[in-house]
Amino acid sequence: MSKEEYKPFGIGMNPENMPKTPEEIEKFWNLMKPLFESFKVPDGEAKTKNAIAEAKKRGFRPGTKAKLTHENEVGEVIGYNETADGPYPGSRYPILIKFKRGTYEYDLDQLELIKEK
């Protein structure tokens, strides 16, 4: 496929199509605002605090080892996702795990603690 034939789907941002004038910025924001609004979690802060408390109760504390339930790769809990809104809110994905491939947010049901021997 040539460069001319390739057209990314969705709203691809690059220097040529970034909004430049106040009118263009307002038009862009009006287009994107529903997407950002969809990421809001009702009572997100309270739900996030509860999810983090549950993670701690189950033993997920910084420094502990855990693995994904469907993989063998072991990672380390490095903290908690305190984000109340967004595509990966702490209320749903309260645990931050560092793997060799990067750091990610996870749901409690996606992880198994590795018991130290």
PDB file of N, CA and C in Angstrom:
ATOM      1  N   MET A   1       0.857  -1.169   0.000  1.00  0.00           N
ATOM      2  CA  MET A   1       0.000   0.000   0.000  1.00  0.00           C
ATOM      3  C   MET A   1       0.903   1.232   0.000  1.00  0.00           C
ATOM      4  N   SER A   2       0.635   2.134  -0.907  1.00  0.00           N
ATOM      5  CA  SER A   2       1.437   3.342  -0.989  1.00  0.00           C
ATOM      6  C   SER A   2       1.032   4.336   0.090  1.00  0.00           C
ATOM      7  N   LYS A   3       1.891   5.300   0.331  1.00  0.00           N
ATOM      8  CA  LYS A   3       1.616   6.335   1.328  1.00  0.00           C
ATOM      9  C   LYS A   3       0.352   7.116   0.960  1.00  0.00           C
ATOM     10  N   GLU A   4       0.128   7.329  -0.318  1.00  0.00           N
ATOM     11  CA  GLU A   4      -1.036   8.069  -0.779  1.00  0.00           C
ATOM     12  C   GLU A   4      -2.331   7.286  -0.544  1.00  0.00           C
ATOM     13  N   GLU A   5      -2.258   5.934  -0.617  1.00  0.00           N
ATOM     14  CA  GLU A   5      -3.447   5.105  -0.431  1.00  0.00           C
ATOM     15  C   GLU A   5      -3.828   4.959   1.037  1.00  0.00           C
ATOM     16  N   TYR A   6      -2.841   5.087   1.923  1.00  0.00           N
ATOM     17  CA  TYR A   6      -3.091   4.871   3.340  1.00  0.00           C
ATOM     18  C   TYR A   6      -3.789   6.076   3.960  1.00  0.00           C
ATOM     19  N   LYS A   7      -4.936   5.841   4.550  1.00  0.00           N
ATOM     20  CA  LYS A   7      -5.657   6.875   5.272  1.00  0.00           C
ATOM     21  C   LYS A   7      -6.077   6.268   6.605  1.00  0.00           C
ATOM     22  N   PRO A   8      -5.514   6.756   7.727  1.00  0.00           N
ATOM     23  CA  PRO A   8      -5.887   6.177   9.016  1.00  0.00           C
ATOM     24  C   PRO A   8      -7.350   6.441   9.339  1.00  0.00           C
ATOM     25  N   PHE A   9      -7.951   5.491  10.054  1.00  0.00           N
ATOM     26  CA  PHE A   9      -9.341   5.689  10.454  1.00  0.00           C
ATOM     27  C   PHE A   9      -9.379   6.561  11.699  1.00  0.00           C
ATOM     28  N   GLY A  10     -10.534   7.108  11.975  1.00  0.00           N
ATOM     29  CA  GLY A  10     -10.683   7.937  13.170  1.00  0.00           C
ATOM     30  C   GLY A  10     -10.058   9.300  12.979  1.00  0.00           C
ATOM     31  N   ILE A  11      -9.886   9.987  14.092  1.00  0.00           N
ATOM     32  CA  ILE A  11      -9.314  11.324  14.053  1.00  0.00           C
ATOM     33  C   ILE A  11      -7.823  11.207  14.298  1.00  0.00           C
ATOM     34  N   GLY A  12      -7.053  11.239  13.248  1.00  0.00           N
ATOM     35  CA  GLY A  12      -5.603  11.197  13.374  1.00  0.00           C
ATOM     36  C   GLY A  12      -5.070  12.612  13.492  1.00  0.00           C
ATOM     37  N   MET A  13      -4.285  12.869  14.506  1.00  0.00           N
ATOM     38  CA  MET A  13      -3.746  14.212  14.697  1.00  0.00           C
ATOM     39  C   MET A  13      -2.309  14.260  14.182  1.00  0.00           C
ATOM     40  N   ASN A  14      -2.050  15.243  13.373  1.00  0.00           N
ATOM     41  CA  ASN A  14      -0.699  15.510  12.908  1.00  0.00           C
ATOM     42  C   ASN A  14      -0.595  17.025  12.707  1.00  0.00           C
ATOM     43  N   PRO A  15       0.604  17.560  12.513  1.00  0.00           N
ATOM     44  CA  PRO A  15       0.740  19.020  12.412  1.00  0.00           C
ATOM     45  C   PRO A  15      -0.123  19.668  11.339  1.00  0.00           C
ATOM     46  N   GLU A  16      -0.408  18.943  10.255  1.00  0.00           N
ATOM     47  CA  GLU A  16      -1.196  19.538   9.178  1.00  0.00           C
ATOM     48  C   GLU A  16      -2.666  19.722   9.546  1.00  0.00           C
ATOM     49  N   ASN A  17      -3.225  18.833  10.367  1.00  0.00           N
ATOM     50  CA  ASN A  17      -4.658  18.936  10.635  1.00  0.00           C
ATOM     51  C   ASN A  17      -4.986  19.347  12.072  1.00  0.00           C
ATOM     52  N   MET A  18      -4.011  19.783  12.827  1.00  0.00           N
ATOM     53  CA  MET A  18      -4.281  20.268  14.186  1.00  0.00           C
ATOM     54  C   MET A  18      -5.051  21.578  14.110  1.00  0.00           C
ATOM     55  N   PRO A  19      -6.013  21.784  15.003  1.00  0.00           N
ATOM     56  CA  PRO A  19      -6.734  23.064  15.009  1.00  0.00           C
ATOM     57  C   PRO A  19      -5.778  24.204  15.358  1.00  0.00           C
ATOM     58  N   LYS A  20      -5.913  25.311  14.639  1.00  0.00           N
ATOM     59  CA  LYS A  20      -4.987  26.421  14.834  1.00  0.00           C
ATOM     60  C   LYS A  20      -5.671  27.703  15.310  1.00  0.00           C
ATOM     61  N   THR A  21      -6.850  27.947  14.844  1.00  0.00           N
ATOM     62  CA  THR A  21      -7.550  29.176  15.231  1.00  0.00           C
ATOM     63  C   THR A  21      -8.474  28.878  16.414  1.00  0.00           C
ATOM     64  N   PRO A  22      -8.878  29.903  17.159  1.00  0.00           N
ATOM     65  CA  PRO A  22      -9.826  29.658  18.254  1.00  0.00           C
ATOM     66  C   PRO A  22     -11.112  28.981  17.778  1.00  0.00           C
ATOM     67  N   GLU A  23     -11.575  29.322  16.595  1.00  0.00           N
ATOM     68  CA  GLU A  23     -12.790  28.704  16.060  1.00  0.00           C
ATOM     69  C   GLU A  23     -12.569  27.213  15.781  1.00  0.00           C
ATOM     70  N   GLU A  24     -11.402  26.885  15.196  1.00  0.00           N
ATOM     71  CA  GLU A  24     -11.084  25.479  14.917  1.00  0.00           C
ATOM     72  C   GLU A  24     -10.928  24.694  16.217  1.00  0.00           C
ATOM     73  N   ILE A  25     -10.317  25.310  17.221  1.00  0.00           N
ATOM     74  CA  ILE A  25     -10.143  24.641  18.513  1.00  0.00           C
ATOM     75  C   ILE A  25     -11.503  24.366  19.149  1.00  0.00           C
ATOM     76  N   GLU A  26     -12.388  25.344  19.104  1.00  0.00           N
ATOM     77  CA  GLU A  26     -13.724  25.160  19.672  1.00  0.00           C
ATOM     78  C   GLU A  26     -14.481  24.065  18.926  1.00  0.00           C
ATOM     79  N   LYS A  27     -14.381  24.049  17.609  1.00  0.00           N
ATOM     80  CA  LYS A  27     -15.050  23.024  16.809  1.00  0.00           C
ATOM     81  C   LYS A  27     -14.501  21.636  17.155  1.00  0.00           C
ATOM     82  N   PHE A  28     -13.182  21.548  17.287  1.00  0.00           N
ATOM     83  CA  PHE A  28     -12.549  20.273  17.644  1.00  0.00           C
ATOM     84  C   PHE A  28     -13.011  19.818  19.029  1.00  0.00           C
ATOM     85  N   TRP A  29     -13.015  20.752  20.013  1.00  0.00           N
ATOM     86  CA  TRP A  29     -13.441  20.394  21.363  1.00  0.00           C
ATOM     87  C   TRP A  29     -14.896  19.926  21.374  1.00  0.00           C
ATOM     88  N   ASN A  30     -15.759  20.611  20.634  1.00  0.00           N
ATOM     89  CA  ASN A  30     -17.156  20.198  20.574  1.00  0.00           C
ATOM     90  C   ASN A  30     -17.305  18.799  19.982  1.00  0.00           C
ATOM     91  N   LEU A  31     -16.406  18.444  19.090  1.00  0.00           N
ATOM     92  CA  LEU A  31     -16.402  17.109  18.503  1.00  0.00           C
ATOM     93  C   LEU A  31     -15.913  16.068  19.515  1.00  0.00           C
ATOM     94  N   MET A  32     -14.882  16.407  20.284  1.00  0.00           N
ATOM     95  CA  MET A  32     -14.242  15.458  21.192  1.00  0.00           C
ATOM     96  C   MET A  32     -14.889  15.384  22.574  1.00  0.00           C
ATOM     97  N   LYS A  33     -15.603  16.419  22.982  1.00  0.00           N
ATOM     98  CA  LYS A  33     -16.156  16.483  24.332  1.00  0.00           C
ATOM     99  C   LYS A  33     -17.004  15.258  24.703  1.00  0.00           C
ATOM    100  N   PRO A  34     -17.885  14.762  23.812  1.00  0.00           N
ATOM    101  CA  PRO A  34     -18.656  13.565  24.186  1.00  0.00           C
ATOM    102  C   PRO A  34     -17.770  12.359  24.517  1.00  0.00           C
ATOM    103  N   LEU A  35     -16.654  12.228  23.821  1.00  0.00           N
ATOM    104  CA  LEU A  35     -15.737  11.131  24.114  1.00  0.00           C
ATOM    105  C   LEU A  35     -15.180  11.274  25.526  1.00  0.00           C
ATOM    106  N   PHE A  36     -14.707  12.468  25.869  1.00  0.00           N
ATOM    107  CA  PHE A  36     -14.166  12.688  27.208  1.00  0.00           C
ATOM    108  C   PHE A  36     -15.238  12.531  28.277  1.00  0.00           C
ATOM    109  N   GLU A  37     -16.448  12.982  27.996  1.00  0.00           N
ATOM    110  CA  GLU A  37     -17.545  12.837  28.950  1.00  0.00           C
ATOM    111  C   GLU A  37     -17.870  11.361  29.192  1.00  0.00           C
ATOM    112  N   SER A  38     -17.718  10.540  28.162  1.00  0.00           N
ATOM    113  CA  SER A  38     -18.026   9.112  28.305  1.00  0.00           C
ATOM    114  C   SER A  38     -17.053   8.411  29.244  1.00  0.00           C
ATOM    115  N   PHE A  39     -15.883   9.004  29.481  1.00  0.00           N
ATOM    116  CA  PHE A  39     -14.885   8.414  30.367  1.00  0.00           C
ATOM    117  C   PHE A  39     -15.130   8.732  31.839  1.00  0.00           C
ATOM    118  N   LYS A  40     -16.081   9.618  32.140  1.00  0.00           N
ATOM    119  CA  LYS A  40     -16.335   9.982  33.525  1.00  0.00           C
ATOM    120  C   LYS A  40     -17.051   8.848  34.248  1.00  0.00           C
ATOM    121  N   VAL A  41     -16.586   8.563  35.444  1.00  0.00           N
ATOM    122  CA  VAL A  41     -17.173   7.507  36.260  1.00  0.00           C
ATOM    123  C   VAL A  41     -17.958   8.170  37.389  1.00  0.00           C
ATOM    124  N   PRO A  42     -19.267   7.903  37.487  1.00  0.00           N
ATOM    125  CA  PRO A  42     -20.031   8.470  38.599  1.00  0.00           C
ATOM    126  C   PRO A  42     -19.421   8.032  39.939  1.00  0.00           C
ATOM    127  N   ASP A  43     -19.211   8.982  40.835  1.00  0.00           N
ATOM    128  CA  ASP A  43     -18.581   8.698  42.139  1.00  0.00           C
ATOM    129  C   ASP A  43     -17.219   8.035  41.963  1.00  0.00           C
ATOM    130  N   GLY A  44     -16.497   8.437  40.921  1.00  0.00           N
ATOM    131  CA  GLY A  44     -15.221   7.806  40.575  1.00  0.00           C
ATOM    132  C   GLY A  44     -14.199   7.806  41.695  1.00  0.00           C
ATOM    133  N   GLU A  45     -14.072   8.918  42.419  1.00  0.00           N
ATOM    134  CA  GLU A  45     -13.072   8.977  43.485  1.00  0.00           C
ATOM    135  C   GLU A  45     -13.384   7.987  44.596  1.00  0.00           C
ATOM    136  N   ALA A  46     -14.629   7.924  45.020  1.00  0.00           N
ATOM    137  CA  ALA A  46     -15.015   6.985  46.084  1.00  0.00           C
ATOM    138  C   ALA A  46     -14.845   5.536  45.621  1.00  0.00           C
ATOM    139  N   LYS A  47     -15.255   5.244  44.390  1.00  0.00           N
ATOM    140  CA  LYS A  47     -15.130   3.888  43.866  1.00  0.00           C
ATOM    141  C   LYS A  47     -13.661   3.493  43.731  1.00  0.00           C
ATOM    142  N   THR A  48     -12.810   4.449  43.341  1.00  0.00           N
ATOM    143  CA  THR A  48     -11.385   4.173  43.212  1.00  0.00           C
ATOM    144  C   THR A  48     -10.780   3.866  44.576  1.00  0.00           C
ATOM    145  N   LYS A  49     -11.116   4.657  45.587  1.00  0.00           N
ATOM    146  CA  LYS A  49     -10.612   4.398  46.945  1.00  0.00           C
ATOM    147  C   LYS A  49     -11.043   3.024  47.431  1.00  0.00           C
ATOM    148  N   ASN A  50     -12.285   2.652  47.161  1.00  0.00           N
ATOM    149  CA  ASN A  50     -12.775   1.329  47.566  1.00  0.00           C
ATOM    150  C   ASN A  50     -12.037   0.203  46.845  1.00  0.00           C
ATOM    151  N   ALA A  51     -11.787   0.383  45.550  1.00  0.00           N
ATOM    152  CA  ALA A  51     -11.089  -0.647  44.772  1.00  0.00           C
ATOM    153  C   ALA A  51      -9.650  -0.810  45.261  1.00  0.00           C
ATOM    154  N   ILE A  52      -8.992   0.288  45.585  1.00  0.00           N
ATOM    155  CA  ILE A  52      -7.618   0.217  46.105  1.00  0.00           C
ATOM    156  C   ILE A  52      -7.605  -0.462  47.471  1.00  0.00           C
ATOM    157  N   ALA A  53      -8.581  -0.140  48.310  1.00  0.00           N
ATOM    158  CA  ALA A  53      -8.676  -0.797  49.626  1.00  0.00           C
ATOM    159  C   ALA A  53      -8.864  -2.303  49.459  1.00  0.00           C
ATOM    160  N   GLU A  54      -9.682  -2.709  48.495  1.00  0.00           N
ATOM    161  CA  GLU A  54      -9.902  -4.136  48.236  1.00  0.00           C
ATOM    162  C   GLU A  54      -8.619  -4.800  47.730  1.00  0.00           C
ATOM    163  N   ALA A  55      -7.872  -4.102  46.883  1.00  0.00           N
ATOM    164  CA  ALA A  55      -6.597  -4.641  46.382  1.00  0.00           C
ATOM    165  C   ALA A  55      -5.632  -4.880  47.543  1.00  0.00           C
ATOM    166  N   LYS A  56      -5.554  -3.916  48.449  1.00  0.00           N
ATOM    167  CA  LYS A  56      -4.674  -4.063  49.620  1.00  0.00           C
ATOM    168  C   LYS A  56      -5.141  -5.223  50.491  1.00  0.00           C
ATOM    169  N   LYS A  57      -6.449  -5.337  50.679  1.00  0.00           N
ATOM    170  CA  LYS A  57      -7.023  -6.415  51.491  1.00  0.00           C
ATOM    171  C   LYS A  57      -6.660  -7.785  50.924  1.00  0.00           C
ATOM    172  N   ARG A  58      -6.621  -7.874  49.590  1.00  0.00           N
ATOM    173  CA  ARG A  58      -6.283  -9.150  48.938  1.00  0.00           C
ATOM    174  C   ARG A  58      -4.774  -9.401  48.873  1.00  0.00           C
ATOM    175  N   GLY A  59      -3.972  -8.452  49.359  1.00  0.00           N
ATOM    176  CA  GLY A  59      -2.529  -8.666  49.420  1.00  0.00           C
ATOM    177  C   GLY A  59      -1.712  -8.023  48.317  1.00  0.00           C
ATOM    178  N   PHE A  60      -2.349  -7.253  47.442  1.00  0.00           N
ATOM    179  CA  PHE A  60      -1.628  -6.583  46.363  1.00  0.00           C
ATOM    180  C   PHE A  60      -1.018  -5.288  46.912  1.00  0.00           C
ATOM    181  N   ARG A  61       0.235  -5.373  47.311  1.00  0.00           N
ATOM    182  CA  ARG A  61       0.948  -4.221  47.868  1.00  0.00           C
ATOM    183  C   ARG A  61       2.228  -4.008  47.066  1.00  0.00           C
ATOM    184  N   PRO A  62       2.708  -2.758  47.000  1.00  0.00           N
ATOM    185  CA  PRO A  62       3.953  -2.509  46.260  1.00  0.00           C
ATOM    186  C   PRO A  62       5.058  -3.460  46.707  1.00  0.00           C
ATOM    187  N   GLY A  63       5.722  -4.031  45.703  1.00  0.00           N
ATOM    188  CA  GLY A  63       6.801  -4.979  45.958  1.00  0.00           C
ATOM    189  C   GLY A  63       6.381  -6.429  45.843  1.00  0.00           C
ATOM    190  N   THR A  64       5.074  -6.716  45.916  1.00  0.00           N
ATOM    191  CA  THR A  64       4.633  -8.100  45.767  1.00  0.00           C
ATOM    192  C   THR A  64       4.647  -8.493  44.296  1.00  0.00           C
ATOM    193  N   LYS A  65       4.822  -9.755  44.049  1.00  0.00           N
ATOM    194  CA  LYS A  65       4.845 -10.293  42.687  1.00  0.00           C
ATOM    195  C   LYS A  65       3.464 -10.818  42.323  1.00  0.00           C
ATOM    196  N   ALA A  66       3.104 -10.642  41.065  1.00  0.00           N
ATOM    197  CA  ALA A  66       1.815 -11.122  40.572  1.00  0.00           C
ATOM    198  C   ALA A  66       1.960 -11.500  39.112  1.00  0.00           C
ATOM    199  N   LYS A  67       1.026 -12.307  38.641  1.00  0.00           N
ATOM    200  CA  LYS A  67       1.009 -12.664  37.216  1.00  0.00           C
ATOM    201  C   LYS A  67      -0.409 -12.558  36.708  1.00  0.00           C
ATOM    202  N   LEU A  68      -0.506 -12.356  35.410  1.00  0.00           N
ATOM    203  CA  LEU A  68      -1.829 -12.350  34.779  1.00  0.00           C
ATOM    204  C   LEU A  68      -2.399 -13.757  34.835  1.00  0.00           C
ATOM    205  N   THR A  69      -3.690 -13.869  35.031  1.00  0.00           N
ATOM    206  CA  THR A  69      -4.308 -15.188  35.157  1.00  0.00           C
ATOM    207  C   THR A  69      -4.179 -16.008  33.873  1.00  0.00           C
ATOM    208  N   HIS A  70      -4.044 -15.346  32.732  1.00  0.00           N
ATOM    209  CA  HIS A  70      -3.986 -16.066  31.453  1.00  0.00           C
ATOM    210  C   HIS A  70      -2.587 -16.101  30.838  1.00  0.00           C
ATOM    211  N   GLU A  71      -1.564 -15.676  31.583  1.00  0.00           N
ATOM    212  CA  GLU A  71      -0.181 -15.692  31.088  1.00  0.00           C
ATOM    213  C   GLU A  71       0.750 -16.122  32.205  1.00  0.00           C
ATOM    214  N   ASN A  72       1.986 -16.425  31.852  1.00  0.00           N
ATOM    215  CA  ASN A  72       2.963 -16.836  32.856  1.00  0.00           C
ATOM    216  C   ASN A  72       3.931 -15.725  33.234  1.00  0.00           C
ATOM    217  N   GLU A  73       3.868 -14.599  32.563  1.00  0.00           N
ATOM    218  CA  GLU A  73       4.803 -13.511  32.846  1.00  0.00           C
ATOM    219  C   GLU A  73       4.529 -12.924  34.234  1.00  0.00           C
ATOM    220  N   VAL A  74       5.591 -12.844  35.033  1.00  0.00           N
ATOM    221  CA  VAL A  74       5.474 -12.324  36.391  1.00  0.00           C
ATOM    222  C   VAL A  74       5.886 -10.858  36.387  1.00  0.00           C
ATOM    223  N   GLY A  75       5.109 -10.052  37.099  1.00  0.00           N
ATOM    224  CA  GLY A  75       5.415  -8.637  37.247  1.00  0.00           C
ATOM    225  C   GLY A  75       5.409  -8.260  38.713  1.00  0.00           C
ATOM    226  N   GLU A  76       5.695  -7.005  38.974  1.00  0.00           N
ATOM    227  CA  GLU A  76       5.735  -6.514  40.341  1.00  0.00           C
ATOM    228  C   GLU A  76       4.725  -5.390  40.522  1.00  0.00           C
ATOM    229  N   VAL A  77       3.975  -5.468  41.618  1.00  0.00           N
ATOM    230  CA  VAL A  77       3.052  -4.386  41.957  1.00  0.00           C
ATOM    231  C   VAL A  77       3.909  -3.173  42.324  1.00  0.00           C
ATOM    232  N   ILE A  78       3.680  -2.061  41.630  1.00  0.00           N
ATOM    233  CA  ILE A  78       4.466  -0.854  41.932  1.00  0.00           C
ATOM    234  C   ILE A  78       3.613   0.246  42.554  1.00  0.00           C
ATOM    235  N   GLY A  79       2.311   0.023  42.612  1.00  0.00           N
ATOM    236  CA  GLY A  79       1.445   1.041  43.203  1.00  0.00           C
ATOM    237  C   GLY A  79       0.010   0.845  42.794  1.00  0.00           C
ATOM    238  N   TYR A  80      -0.759   1.926  42.926  1.00  0.00           N
ATOM    239  CA  TYR A  80      -2.186   1.874  42.662  1.00  0.00           C
ATOM    240  C   TYR A  80      -2.583   2.956  41.675  1.00  0.00           C
ATOM    241  N   ASN A  81      -3.589   2.655  40.883  1.00  0.00           N
ATOM    242  CA  ASN A  81      -4.118   3.582  39.893  1.00  0.00           C
ATOM    243  C   ASN A  81      -5.157   4.459  40.581  1.00  0.00           C
ATOM    244  N   GLU A  82      -4.805   5.684  40.877  1.00  0.00           N
ATOM    245  CA  GLU A  82      -5.691   6.588  41.598  1.00  0.00           C
ATOM    246  C   GLU A  82      -6.529   7.473  40.678  1.00  0.00           C
ATOM    247  N   THR A  83      -6.508   7.194  39.379  1.00  0.00           N
ATOM    248  CA  THR A  83      -7.270   7.963  38.412  1.00  0.00           C
ATOM    249  C   THR A  83      -8.759   7.661  38.554  1.00  0.00           C
ATOM    250  N   ALA A  84      -9.560   8.702  38.750  1.00  0.00           N
ATOM    251  CA  ALA A  84     -10.993   8.505  38.959  1.00  0.00           C
ATOM    252  C   ALA A  84     -11.760   8.335  37.646  1.00  0.00           C
ATOM    253  N   ASP A  85     -11.256   8.884  36.553  1.00  0.00           N
ATOM    254  CA  ASP A  85     -11.942   8.844  35.262  1.00  0.00           C
ATOM    255  C   ASP A  85     -10.981   8.363  34.186  1.00  0.00           C
ATOM    256  N   GLY A  86     -11.495   8.282  32.966  1.00  0.00           N
ATOM    257  CA  GLY A  86     -10.663   7.936  31.820  1.00  0.00           C
ATOM    258  C   GLY A  86     -10.937   6.523  31.352  1.00  0.00           C
ATOM    259  N   PRO A  87     -10.188   6.084  30.337  1.00  0.00           N
ATOM    260  CA  PRO A  87     -10.430   4.751  29.784  1.00  0.00           C
ATOM    261  C   PRO A  87     -10.004   3.624  30.728  1.00  0.00           C
ATOM    262  N   TYR A  88      -9.090   3.913  31.674  1.00  0.00           N
ATOM    263  CA  TYR A  88      -8.632   2.918  32.641  1.00  0.00           C
ATOM    264  C   TYR A  88      -8.754   3.488  34.054  1.00  0.00           C
ATOM    265  N   PRO A  89      -9.987   3.672  34.547  1.00  0.00           N
ATOM    266  CA  PRO A  89     -10.154   4.279  35.869  1.00  0.00           C
ATOM    267  C   PRO A  89      -9.718   3.329  36.985  1.00  0.00           C
ATOM    268  N   GLY A  90      -9.247   3.908  38.072  1.00  0.00           N
ATOM    269  CA  GLY A  90      -8.823   3.111  39.218  1.00  0.00           C
ATOM    270  C   GLY A  90      -9.940   2.301  39.833  1.00  0.00           C
ATOM    271  N   SER A  91     -11.173   2.729  39.645  1.00  0.00           N
ATOM    272  CA  SER A  91     -12.300   1.966  40.175  1.00  0.00           C
ATOM    273  C   SER A  91     -12.408   0.601  39.508  1.00  0.00           C
ATOM    274  N   ARG A  92     -11.956   0.489  38.283  1.00  0.00           N
ATOM    275  CA  ARG A  92     -12.014  -0.776  37.521  1.00  0.00           C
ATOM    276  C   ARG A  92     -10.652  -1.458  37.438  1.00  0.00           C
ATOM    277  N   TYR A  93      -9.583  -0.665  37.355  1.00  0.00           N
ATOM    278  CA  TYR A  93      -8.223  -1.183  37.210  1.00  0.00           C
ATOM    279  C   TYR A  93      -7.334  -0.565  38.292  1.00  0.00           C
ATOM    280  N   PRO A  94      -7.451  -1.029  39.539  1.00  0.00           N
ATOM    281  CA  PRO A  94      -6.783  -0.341  40.646  1.00  0.00           C
ATOM    282  C   PRO A  94      -5.300  -0.635  40.839  1.00  0.00           C
ATOM    283  N   ILE A  95      -4.769  -1.642  40.176  1.00  0.00           N
ATOM    284  CA  ILE A  95      -3.405  -2.065  40.457  1.00  0.00           C
ATOM    285  C   ILE A  95      -2.474  -1.723  39.301  1.00  0.00           C
ATOM    286  N   LEU A  96      -1.303  -1.178  39.627  1.00  0.00           N
ATOM    287  CA  LEU A  96      -0.264  -0.903  38.633  1.00  0.00           C
ATOM    288  C   LEU A  96       0.792  -1.998  38.742  1.00  0.00           C
ATOM    289  N   ILE A  97       1.021  -2.694  37.646  1.00  0.00           N
ATOM    290  CA  ILE A  97       1.989  -3.782  37.612  1.00  0.00           C
ATOM    291  C   ILE A  97       3.061  -3.457  36.580  1.00  0.00           C
ATOM    292  N   LYS A  98       4.305  -3.636  36.969  1.00  0.00           N
ATOM    293  CA  LYS A  98       5.423  -3.415  36.045  1.00  0.00           C
ATOM    294  C   LYS A  98       5.916  -4.775  35.553  1.00  0.00           C
ATOM    295  N   PHE A  99       5.859  -4.931  34.233  1.00  0.00           N
ATOM    296  CA  PHE A  99       6.406  -6.102  33.558  1.00  0.00           C
ATOM    297  C   PHE A  99       7.622  -5.652  32.750  1.00  0.00           C
ATOM    298  N   LYS A 100       8.359  -6.595  32.199  1.00  0.00           N
ATOM    299  CA  LYS A 100       9.492  -6.236  31.337  1.00  0.00           C
ATOM    300  C   LYS A 100       9.032  -5.381  30.163  1.00  0.00           C
ATOM    301  N   ARG A 101       7.824  -5.617  29.681  1.00  0.00           N
ATOM    302  CA  ARG A 101       7.311  -4.910  28.495  1.00  0.00           C
ATOM    303  C   ARG A 101       6.672  -3.560  28.819  1.00  0.00           C
ATOM    304  N   GLY A 102       6.543  -3.226  30.114  1.00  0.00           N
ATOM    305  CA  GLY A 102       5.978  -1.942  30.486  1.00  0.00           C
ATOM    306  C   GLY A 102       5.114  -2.037  31.733  1.00  0.00           C
ATOM    307  N   THR A 103       4.532  -0.905  32.101  1.00  0.00           N
ATOM    308  CA  THR A 103       3.681  -0.814  33.283  1.00  0.00           C
ATOM    309  C   THR A 103       2.232  -0.624  32.841  1.00  0.00           C
ATOM    310  N   TYR A 104       1.335  -1.379  33.475  1.00  0.00           N
ATOM    311  CA  TYR A 104      -0.067  -1.368  33.059  1.00  0.00           C
ATOM    312  C   TYR A 104      -0.989  -1.394  34.270  1.00  0.00           C
ATOM    313  N   GLU A 105      -2.249  -0.974  34.049  1.00  0.00           N
ATOM    314  CA  GLU A 105      -3.294  -1.022  35.064  1.00  0.00           C
ATOM    315  C   GLU A 105      -4.050  -2.330  34.900  1.00  0.00           C
ATOM    316  N   TYR A 106      -4.396  -2.958  36.029  1.00  0.00           N
ATOM    317  CA  TYR A 106      -5.118  -4.231  35.957  1.00  0.00           C
ATOM    318  C   TYR A 106      -6.267  -4.304  36.942  1.00  0.00           C
ATOM    319  N   ASP A 107      -7.233  -5.124  36.585  1.00  0.00           N
ATOM    320  CA  ASP A 107      -8.376  -5.473  37.405  1.00  0.00           C
ATOM    321  C   ASP A 107      -7.913  -6.562  38.386  1.00  0.00           C
ATOM    322  N   LEU A 108      -8.504  -6.614  39.552  1.00  0.00           N
ATOM    323  CA  LEU A 108      -8.149  -7.637  40.541  1.00  0.00           C
ATOM    324  C   LEU A 108      -8.354  -9.046  40.001  1.00  0.00           C
ATOM    325  N   ASP A 109      -9.392  -9.227  39.182  1.00  0.00           N
ATOM    326  CA  ASP A 109      -9.686 -10.557  38.652  1.00  0.00           C
ATOM    327  C   ASP A 109      -8.741 -10.980  37.534  1.00  0.00           C
ATOM    328  N   GLN A 110      -7.915 -10.069  37.052  1.00  0.00           N
ATOM    329  CA  GLN A 110      -6.962 -10.401  35.989  1.00  0.00           C
ATOM    330  C   GLN A 110      -5.631 -10.894  36.548  1.00  0.00           C
ATOM    331  N   LEU A 111      -5.473 -10.831  37.873  1.00  0.00           N
ATOM    332  CA  LEU A 111      -4.174 -11.105  38.486  1.00  0.00           C
ATOM    333  C   LEU A 111      -4.226 -12.204  39.533  1.00  0.00           C
ATOM    334  N   GLU A 112      -3.082 -12.892  39.677  1.00  0.00           N
ATOM    335  CA  GLU A 112      -2.891 -13.855  40.749  1.00  0.00           C
ATOM    336  C   GLU A 112      -1.625 -13.433  41.499  1.00  0.00           C
ATOM    337  N   LEU A 113      -1.702 -13.421  42.822  1.00  0.00           N
ATOM    338  CA  LEU A 113      -0.513 -13.133  43.620  1.00  0.00           C
ATOM    339  C   LEU A 113       0.436 -14.325  43.544  1.00  0.00           C
ATOM    340  N   ILE A 114       1.723 -14.036  43.521  1.00  0.00           N
ATOM    341  CA  ILE A 114       2.749 -15.078  43.576  1.00  0.00           C
ATOM    342  C   ILE A 114       3.173 -15.169  45.039  1.00  0.00           C
ATOM    343  N   LYS A 115       2.960 -16.302  45.639  1.00  0.00           N
ATOM    344  CA  LYS A 115       3.314 -16.485  47.041  1.00  0.00           C
ATOM    345  C   LYS A 115       4.817 -16.668  47.166  1.00  0.00           C
ATOM    346  N   GLU A 116       5.434 -15.898  48.051  1.00  0.00           N
ATOM    347  CA  GLU A 116       6.864 -16.026  48.326  1.00  0.00           C
ATOM    348  C   GLU A 116       7.094 -17.328  49.099  1.00  0.00           C
ATOM    349  N   LYS A 117       8.151 -18.027  48.724  1.00  0.00           N
ATOM    350  CA  LYS A 117       8.450 -19.326  49.368  1.00  0.00           C
ATOM    351  C   LYS A 117       9.344 -19.134  50.567  1.00  0.00           C
TER     352      LYS A 117
END
